[in-house]
Amino acid sequence: MLQSSEMMAYNELQPVGGNTAVASKASAPQNIIANAGLSYEDVLNDDFQFDMDGHDVMVFLHIQKTGGTSFGRHLVRDLDLKRPCECQRQRKRCYCFRPHRNENWLFSRYSTGWKCGLHADWTELTSCVDVELDKNEGETAKRRYFYISLLREPISRYMSEYRHVRRGATWKGSRHWCLGRQATASELPPCYKGKDWLNVDLDQFAGCESNLAANRQTRMLADLALVGCYNKSSMPAHERDRVMLASAKRNLAAMAYFGLTEYQKMSQYIFEETFNLRFAIPFEQHNATISAAAVTNLRSDQRRRIERLNGLDIELYAFAKNLLFQRFEHLKAKDANFAQRFANLGNIFYKQGVTEFNWDSNIEDALSTDH
C-alpha cells in the first residue's frame, strides 16, 4: 500500500479536465519507471536485503548544493562493509567492489565518475546507468537498482548555488540529455558571455530566465520527457510546471531512499534501516551555514523573487519533508531497540582516519566546477 503522500504524488500525474494530451504523457512513466529501480515499497519487506554479492546497485542522484559532495565521500569512505571501498590518494575515485568480485555496487561520482554526465538528473540516469555498467563490466547483467538522493531547503540551496557561481563555478560539462539528444543553445541560452559568471550580483543571477538554479531539485527529479524536455514551447507554462512537479513527487516517493540536509540524524537512521548498512560516524546537525546567513540578509523584494522562482521546489520540499517523517515513524515503530539505536548512530567502532561528519559545514564546498 502506498502511504498518503506517495499516493498523492501518483494521483497528481493523472489528467484533469479530460485533457487527452496530458493523459498520454502521464501514462508514460508506467513504462519508464521500470528503469528507475526498486522503490521504497519494495525494500519495506522484512526479508529485504541489499545484496552486495548479487547484482544490486545503489545509484546516487547528486543535486548541486544539497550536501551531496560530502555525503558521496562518506558513502565510499565510512560505511561498515565486508569489503570497504578502496580510495586512492590524490584521486577523486574509489573502487567500491562486491565482496567476491570486482563489480561496482555503487554508481556515483566517487565510485564510477560522472559516467552519465556531470550532475546527471533522473531523466539522464534512468536511460544511462545500465548501459554504462554493461560497458564498464564487459557484460550484460540483470541488476536491481536503488536510487538515492538528497534534498535541501530551496531558498538556502539557491543562495548556495548563487555564491558558488559567483566564485566562478559553471557546470558547463552537464549534458542536459533527454530523449536521445542534448538541449540546444536556443532551448538553454547562456546567462553570461565568457568563461564564467564571476562576481555576478544576485539580481542579475535571478533575472536570467534560463538559469537552471531556479527549481533545480524539481527539474532534476522529474521525467523531463513528459514536458518535451527543454523545449518550453511544447505546452503552456502552467501545465509544464504541474506535470513536472507531479513527476518529481512521484519519482521521489518511488526512490529507495532520500534524505534532507536539515534532518541529518533522521536521514542517517532511515538510510541505515532501509539498506541494513551502518555508517561508522554520526551525522551532526549544524544549521549555521554561510548561505543560511545570506538568506537572512536578503531584501524583502529579493526574498519574494527567489521564493517565486523556486515555487515548485518549495512545494516539492514540503512534500519530501512530510514523506521523510512518515518513513521515519514507520521504521521507528518497527524497531524494538529504537532508543538505543538512534542515540548511538555511527558509534560502531573506532575507525582509523574517520572524523566526525558535519554535513552542513561541507555544503559550502571549495570552488570546483564539478561539485
Protein backbone atom coordinates (compact mmCIF):
# COMPACT_ATOMS: atom_id res chain seq x y z
CA MET A 1 0.00 0.00 0.00
CA LEU A 2 1.19 3.48 -0.84
CA GLN A 3 1.32 5.91 2.04
CA SER A 4 -0.80 9.06 1.71
CA SER A 5 1.96 11.32 0.39
CA GLU A 6 3.07 8.75 -2.14
CA MET A 7 -0.49 8.15 -3.36
CA MET A 8 -0.95 11.89 -3.76
CA ALA A 9 2.10 12.07 -5.99
CA TYR A 10 0.79 9.30 -8.22
CA ASN A 11 -2.68 10.84 -8.43
CA GLU A 12 -1.33 14.26 -9.42
CA LEU A 13 0.09 12.82 -12.64
CA GLN A 14 -3.37 11.79 -13.80
CA PRO A 15 -5.05 14.05 -16.38
CA VAL A 16 -7.52 16.70 -15.33
CA GLY A 17 -10.38 18.22 -17.28
CA GLY A 18 -10.39 15.48 -19.90
CA ASN A 19 -7.06 16.56 -21.41
CA THR A 20 -6.12 13.53 -23.50
CA ALA A 21 -2.74 15.02 -24.43
CA VAL A 22 -1.79 15.14 -20.78
CA ALA A 23 -3.27 11.66 -20.30
CA SER A 24 -0.92 10.18 -22.86
CA LYS A 25 2.05 11.97 -21.33
CA ALA A 26 1.05 10.98 -17.80
CA SER A 27 0.81 7.33 -18.74
CA ALA A 28 4.40 7.26 -19.99
CA PRO A 29 6.02 6.70 -16.56
CA GLN A 30 4.30 3.31 -16.33
CA ASN A 31 6.87 2.16 -18.88
CA ILE A 32 9.75 4.43 -17.98
CA ILE A 33 9.54 3.89 -14.21
CA ALA A 34 10.85 0.33 -14.61
CA ASN A 35 14.29 1.80 -15.28
CA ALA A 36 14.20 3.70 -12.00
CA GLY A 37 14.92 0.63 -9.91
CA LEU A 38 13.32 -0.80 -6.79
CA SER A 39 11.05 1.52 -4.86
CA TYR A 40 10.86 2.24 -1.16
CA GLU A 41 7.80 -0.01 -1.04
CA ASP A 42 9.92 -2.91 -2.32
CA VAL A 43 12.52 -2.52 0.42
CA LEU A 44 9.97 -2.36 3.24
CA ASN A 45 9.65 -6.15 3.27
CA ASP A 46 11.06 -7.72 6.42
CA ASP A 47 13.17 -10.14 4.39
CA PHE A 48 14.71 -7.45 2.17
CA GLN A 49 18.50 -7.34 1.99
CA PHE A 50 20.69 -5.12 -0.18
CA ASP A 51 22.66 -7.87 -1.87
CA MET A 52 26.32 -6.92 -2.23
CA ASP A 53 27.14 -10.39 -3.55
CA GLY A 54 24.36 -10.30 -6.15
CA HIS A 55 23.60 -7.60 -8.71
CA ASP A 56 22.23 -4.80 -6.53
CA VAL A 57 23.44 -1.28 -7.39
CA MET A 58 22.92 1.94 -5.44
CA VAL A 59 22.60 4.96 -7.78
CA PHE A 60 23.25 8.38 -6.25
CA LEU A 61 21.41 11.24 -7.96
CA HIS A 62 23.52 14.18 -6.83
CA ILE A 63 21.74 17.56 -6.94
CA GLN A 64 24.04 20.55 -6.67
CA LYS A 65 24.46 22.30 -3.30
CA THR A 66 22.49 19.83 -1.19
CA GLY A 67 25.50 18.42 0.69
CA GLY A 68 25.90 15.64 -1.86
CA THR A 69 29.65 16.04 -2.29
CA SER A 70 30.25 15.27 1.38
CA PHE A 71 27.60 12.55 1.51
CA GLY A 72 29.14 10.96 -1.58
CA ARG A 73 32.56 10.92 0.07
CA HIS A 74 31.17 9.19 3.12
CA LEU A 75 29.34 6.60 1.06
CA VAL A 76 32.74 5.47 -0.21
CA ARG A 77 34.78 6.03 2.95
CA ASP A 78 32.71 5.39 6.03
CA LEU A 79 30.24 2.57 5.52
CA ASP A 80 30.93 -0.57 7.54
CA LEU A 81 31.38 -3.11 4.71
CA LYS A 82 32.82 -6.61 4.32
CA ARG A 83 34.98 -5.20 1.55
CA PRO A 84 35.49 -1.46 2.08
CA CYS A 85 35.86 0.81 -0.92
CA GLU A 86 39.50 1.32 -1.90
CA CYS A 87 40.19 5.04 -2.26
CA GLN A 88 43.34 6.29 -3.95
CA ARG A 89 45.25 9.28 -2.64
CA GLN A 90 45.21 12.37 -4.87
CA ARG A 91 42.33 10.96 -6.92
CA LYS A 92 38.59 11.56 -6.68
CA ARG A 93 37.86 7.90 -7.28
CA CYS A 94 37.31 4.83 -5.16
CA TYR A 95 36.84 1.20 -6.10
CA CYS A 96 33.58 0.06 -4.48
CA PHE A 97 33.55 -3.60 -5.42
CA ARG A 98 31.42 -6.51 -4.29
CA PRO A 99 32.90 -8.81 -1.63
CA HIS A 100 33.87 -11.59 -4.03
CA ARG A 101 34.25 -9.95 -7.45
CA ASN A 102 35.34 -6.68 -8.99
CA GLU A 103 31.96 -5.23 -9.91
CA ASN A 104 30.52 -1.94 -8.68
CA TRP A 105 27.69 -1.90 -6.15
CA LEU A 106 27.67 1.94 -6.11
CA PHE A 107 27.12 4.26 -9.09
CA SER A 108 28.25 7.71 -8.01
CA ARG A 109 30.73 10.46 -8.69
CA TYR A 110 33.40 8.97 -6.41
CA SER A 111 32.97 5.34 -7.44
CA THR A 112 32.32 5.36 -11.18
CA GLY A 113 32.78 9.03 -12.06
CA TRP A 114 30.25 11.12 -13.96
CA LYS A 115 29.53 8.31 -16.44
CA CYS A 116 26.08 9.68 -17.35
CA GLY A 117 27.18 13.31 -17.41
CA LEU A 118 28.09 15.93 -14.83
CA HIS A 119 25.35 16.00 -12.17
CA ALA A 120 23.14 13.72 -14.25
CA ASP A 121 19.45 14.02 -13.38
CA TRP A 122 16.69 11.39 -13.16
CA THR A 123 15.97 11.60 -16.89
CA GLU A 124 19.63 11.04 -17.76
CA LEU A 125 20.43 8.38 -15.17
CA THR A 126 17.45 6.12 -15.83
CA SER A 127 18.34 5.91 -19.52
CA CYS A 128 22.09 5.56 -19.00
CA VAL A 129 23.18 3.65 -15.89
CA ASP A 130 22.51 0.13 -17.16
CA VAL A 131 24.31 0.78 -20.45
CA GLU A 132 27.34 2.31 -18.73
CA LEU A 133 27.69 -0.53 -16.22
CA ASP A 134 27.44 -3.09 -19.04
CA LYS A 135 30.27 -1.26 -20.82
CA ASN A 136 32.33 -0.91 -17.65
CA GLU A 137 31.98 -4.56 -16.65
CA GLY A 138 32.11 -6.02 -20.15
CA GLU A 139 28.90 -8.00 -19.82
CA THR A 140 25.15 -7.65 -19.63
CA ALA A 141 23.64 -8.33 -16.22
CA LYS A 142 20.14 -8.17 -14.76
CA ARG A 143 20.73 -5.70 -11.94
CA ARG A 144 18.46 -4.32 -9.23
CA TYR A 145 18.83 -0.53 -9.00
CA PHE A 146 18.22 1.53 -5.86
CA TYR A 147 18.08 5.28 -6.46
CA ILE A 148 19.07 7.61 -3.64
CA SER A 149 19.27 11.40 -3.39
CA LEU A 150 19.40 14.39 -1.05
CA LEU A 151 17.23 17.50 -0.97
CA ARG A 152 17.76 20.82 0.76
CA GLU A 153 15.56 23.73 1.81
CA PRO A 154 15.14 25.52 -1.54
CA ILE A 155 15.99 29.12 -0.67
CA SER A 156 19.20 28.17 1.16
CA ARG A 157 20.12 25.82 -1.69
CA TYR A 158 19.50 28.53 -4.29
CA MET A 159 21.64 31.02 -2.37
CA SER A 160 24.41 28.44 -2.01
CA GLU A 161 24.38 27.88 -5.78
CA TYR A 162 24.44 31.64 -6.35
CA ARG A 163 27.52 32.00 -4.15
CA HIS A 164 29.19 29.06 -5.92
CA VAL A 165 28.54 30.52 -9.37
CA ARG A 166 29.66 33.96 -8.20
CA ARG A 167 33.02 32.40 -7.31
CA GLY A 168 33.37 31.01 -10.84
CA ALA A 169 31.57 27.63 -10.97
CA THR A 170 29.80 26.86 -14.25
CA TRP A 171 28.95 23.12 -14.56
CA LYS A 172 29.49 23.55 -18.31
CA GLY A 173 30.13 19.80 -18.53
CA SER A 174 26.48 18.98 -17.81
CA ARG A 175 24.84 17.38 -20.86
CA HIS A 176 21.13 18.02 -20.22
CA TRP A 177 20.35 14.88 -22.20
CA CYS A 178 16.73 13.95 -22.88
CA LEU A 179 15.06 11.67 -25.44
CA GLY A 180 18.32 10.93 -27.21
CA ARG A 181 19.75 14.43 -27.57
CA GLN A 182 21.27 17.34 -25.68
CA ALA A 183 19.39 20.56 -25.05
CA THR A 184 20.09 23.11 -27.77
CA ALA A 185 21.51 26.61 -27.25
CA SER A 186 18.13 28.07 -28.16
CA GLU A 187 16.43 25.91 -25.50
CA LEU A 188 19.03 26.78 -22.85
CA PRO A 189 20.60 30.13 -23.85
CA PRO A 190 23.65 31.05 -21.76
CA CYS A 191 23.16 33.55 -18.95
CA TYR A 192 26.56 35.15 -19.45
CA LYS A 193 29.32 35.74 -22.01
CA GLY A 194 32.82 34.43 -21.49
CA LYS A 195 34.10 31.50 -19.46
CA ASP A 196 32.10 32.09 -16.27
CA TRP A 197 29.73 34.37 -14.35
CA LEU A 198 32.34 35.56 -11.85
CA ASN A 199 31.12 38.21 -9.39
CA VAL A 200 27.56 38.23 -10.73
CA ASP A 201 25.19 40.11 -8.44
CA LEU A 202 22.08 38.42 -7.08
CA ASP A 203 19.60 40.45 -9.12
CA GLN A 204 21.38 39.53 -12.37
CA PHE A 205 21.55 35.89 -11.31
CA ALA A 206 17.82 35.78 -10.56
CA GLY A 207 17.00 37.74 -13.71
CA CYS A 208 18.24 35.16 -16.23
CA GLU A 209 15.21 33.15 -17.38
CA SER A 210 17.31 30.17 -18.47
CA ASN A 211 19.17 29.92 -15.16
CA LEU A 212 18.74 26.28 -14.08
CA ALA A 213 19.29 27.18 -10.42
CA ALA A 214 15.58 28.01 -10.17
CA ASN A 215 13.53 24.93 -9.24
CA ARG A 216 16.63 22.79 -9.80
CA GLN A 217 15.52 20.00 -7.46
CA THR A 218 12.16 19.58 -9.20
CA ARG A 219 13.72 19.54 -12.67
CA MET A 220 16.41 17.04 -11.71
CA LEU A 221 13.93 14.62 -10.12
CA ALA A 222 11.27 14.83 -12.84
CA ASP A 223 10.91 12.78 -16.02
CA LEU A 224 11.56 15.60 -18.47
CA ALA A 225 10.28 13.54 -21.40
CA LEU A 226 6.78 14.26 -20.06
CA VAL A 227 7.18 18.00 -20.69
CA GLY A 228 9.05 17.99 -24.01
CA CYS A 229 12.49 18.01 -22.37
CA TYR A 230 13.91 21.56 -22.54
CA ASN A 231 11.53 22.74 -25.26
CA LYS A 232 9.29 25.07 -23.28
CA SER A 233 7.04 25.71 -26.27
CA SER A 234 5.72 22.15 -26.14
CA MET A 235 2.99 23.05 -23.61
CA PRO A 236 1.71 26.05 -21.63
CA ALA A 237 3.98 27.10 -18.77
CA HIS A 238 1.42 26.37 -16.03
CA GLU A 239 0.80 22.87 -17.42
CA ARG A 240 4.53 22.21 -17.75
CA ASP A 241 5.01 23.19 -14.12
CA ARG A 242 2.11 20.99 -12.95
CA VAL A 243 3.30 17.90 -14.81
CA MET A 244 6.97 18.40 -13.87
CA LEU A 245 6.20 18.86 -10.16
CA ALA A 246 3.89 15.84 -10.10
CA SER A 247 6.54 13.74 -11.84
CA ALA A 248 9.23 14.86 -9.38
CA LYS A 249 6.99 13.96 -6.43
CA ARG A 250 6.22 10.60 -7.96
CA ASN A 251 9.86 9.74 -8.62
CA LEU A 252 10.93 10.92 -5.18
CA ALA A 253 8.22 8.83 -3.50
CA ALA A 254 9.33 5.80 -5.50
CA MET A 255 13.02 6.17 -4.63
CA ALA A 256 14.50 3.58 -2.32
CA TYR A 257 15.95 6.40 -0.20
CA PHE A 258 16.23 10.16 0.06
CA GLY A 259 17.48 12.38 2.85
CA LEU A 260 17.05 16.04 3.79
CA THR A 261 20.02 18.21 4.67
CA GLU A 262 18.10 19.83 7.51
CA TYR A 263 17.29 16.46 9.16
CA GLN A 264 20.59 14.63 9.09
CA LYS A 265 20.23 12.29 12.04
CA MET A 266 16.80 11.21 10.87
CA SER A 267 18.16 10.78 7.33
CA GLN A 268 21.05 8.66 8.59
CA TYR A 269 18.71 6.39 10.54
CA ILE A 270 16.42 5.92 7.54
CA PHE A 271 19.36 5.08 5.27
CA GLU A 272 20.80 2.53 7.70
CA GLU A 273 17.45 0.85 8.36
CA THR A 274 16.47 0.84 4.69
CA PHE A 275 19.65 -0.83 3.43
CA ASN A 276 20.73 -2.61 6.63
CA LEU A 277 24.09 -0.87 6.34
CA ARG A 278 25.84 1.15 9.05
CA PHE A 279 27.97 4.29 8.94
CA ALA A 280 30.96 4.35 11.25
CA ILE A 281 30.37 8.04 12.01
CA PRO A 282 27.37 10.10 13.15
CA PHE A 283 25.83 12.83 11.00
CA GLU A 284 25.92 16.02 13.05
CA GLN A 285 23.48 18.90 12.62
CA HIS A 286 24.84 22.45 12.41
CA ASN A 287 22.43 24.79 10.67
CA ALA A 288 24.52 27.97 10.79
CA THR A 289 25.79 27.78 7.19
CA ILE A 290 27.04 30.76 5.23
CA SER A 291 24.09 30.52 2.86
CA ALA A 292 21.62 30.46 5.76
CA ALA A 293 23.16 33.73 6.94
CA ALA A 294 22.91 35.13 3.42
CA VAL A 295 19.18 34.32 3.32
CA THR A 296 18.53 36.39 6.43
CA ASN A 297 20.30 39.35 4.79
CA LEU A 298 18.09 39.36 1.69
CA ARG A 299 15.98 42.40 0.97
CA SER A 300 12.27 41.64 1.19
CA ASP A 301 11.83 42.08 -2.58
CA GLN A 302 14.76 39.72 -3.25
CA ARG A 303 13.32 37.14 -0.90
CA ARG A 304 9.92 37.30 -2.62
CA ARG A 305 11.52 36.98 -6.06
CA ILE A 306 13.60 33.95 -5.06
CA GLU A 307 10.57 32.29 -3.46
CA ARG A 308 8.59 32.87 -6.66
CA LEU A 309 11.41 31.48 -8.82
CA ASN A 310 11.60 28.36 -6.64
CA GLY A 311 7.90 27.82 -6.07
CA LEU A 312 7.99 24.26 -7.41
CA ASP A 313 10.98 23.35 -5.24
CA ILE A 314 9.27 24.82 -2.17
CA GLU A 315 6.23 22.61 -2.77
CA LEU A 316 8.43 19.58 -3.53
CA TYR A 317 10.43 20.12 -0.33
CA ALA A 318 7.25 20.31 1.77
CA PHE A 319 6.12 17.03 0.18
CA ALA A 320 9.55 15.46 0.82
CA LYS A 321 9.60 16.59 4.44
CA ASN A 322 6.19 15.07 5.10
CA LEU A 323 7.22 11.83 3.41
CA LEU A 324 10.53 11.67 5.31
CA PHE A 325 8.71 11.96 8.63
CA GLN A 326 6.25 9.24 7.57
CA ARG A 327 9.10 6.88 6.71
CA PHE A 328 10.90 7.69 9.94
CA GLU A 329 7.85 6.97 12.07
CA HIS A 330 7.20 3.72 10.21
CA LEU A 331 10.76 2.47 10.75
CA LYS A 332 10.79 3.67 14.35
CA ALA A 333 7.62 1.69 15.10
CA LYS A 334 9.23 -1.49 13.73
CA ASP A 335 12.47 -1.05 15.72
CA ALA A 336 12.28 -2.62 19.19
CA ASN A 337 15.68 -1.08 20.03
CA PHE A 338 14.97 2.35 18.56
CA ALA A 339 16.02 4.48 21.52
CA GLN A 340 19.42 2.82 21.81
CA ARG A 341 19.94 2.70 18.04
CA PHE A 342 19.05 6.35 17.50
CA ALA A 343 21.19 7.55 20.39
CA ASN A 344 24.23 5.67 19.07
CA LEU A 345 24.09 6.25 15.32
CA GLY A 346 27.59 5.99 13.87
CA ASN A 347 29.13 4.58 17.02
CA ILE A 348 30.10 1.18 15.65
CA PHE A 349 33.79 1.04 16.41
CA TYR A 350 36.83 3.22 16.21
CA LYS A 351 37.84 3.55 12.58
CA GLN A 352 41.32 4.86 11.76
CA GLY A 353 41.21 8.17 9.94
CA VAL A 354 37.49 8.78 10.38
CA THR A 355 36.42 12.21 11.55
CA GLU A 356 33.02 13.44 12.64
CA PHE A 357 30.85 14.01 9.58
CA ASN A 358 29.49 17.56 9.62
CA TRP A 359 27.20 17.63 6.57
CA ASP A 360 26.31 21.33 6.80
CA SER A 361 29.85 22.67 7.06
CA ASN A 362 30.75 20.76 3.91
CA ILE A 363 27.86 22.10 1.82
CA GLU A 364 29.86 25.25 1.09
CA ASP A 365 32.45 23.32 -0.91
CA ALA A 366 35.67 24.80 -2.18
CA LEU A 367 35.30 26.04 -5.74
CA SER A 368 35.07 23.28 -8.31
CA THR A 369 33.05 23.13 -11.50
CA ASP A 370 32.07 19.52 -10.83
CA HIS A 371 30.59 19.93 -7.33
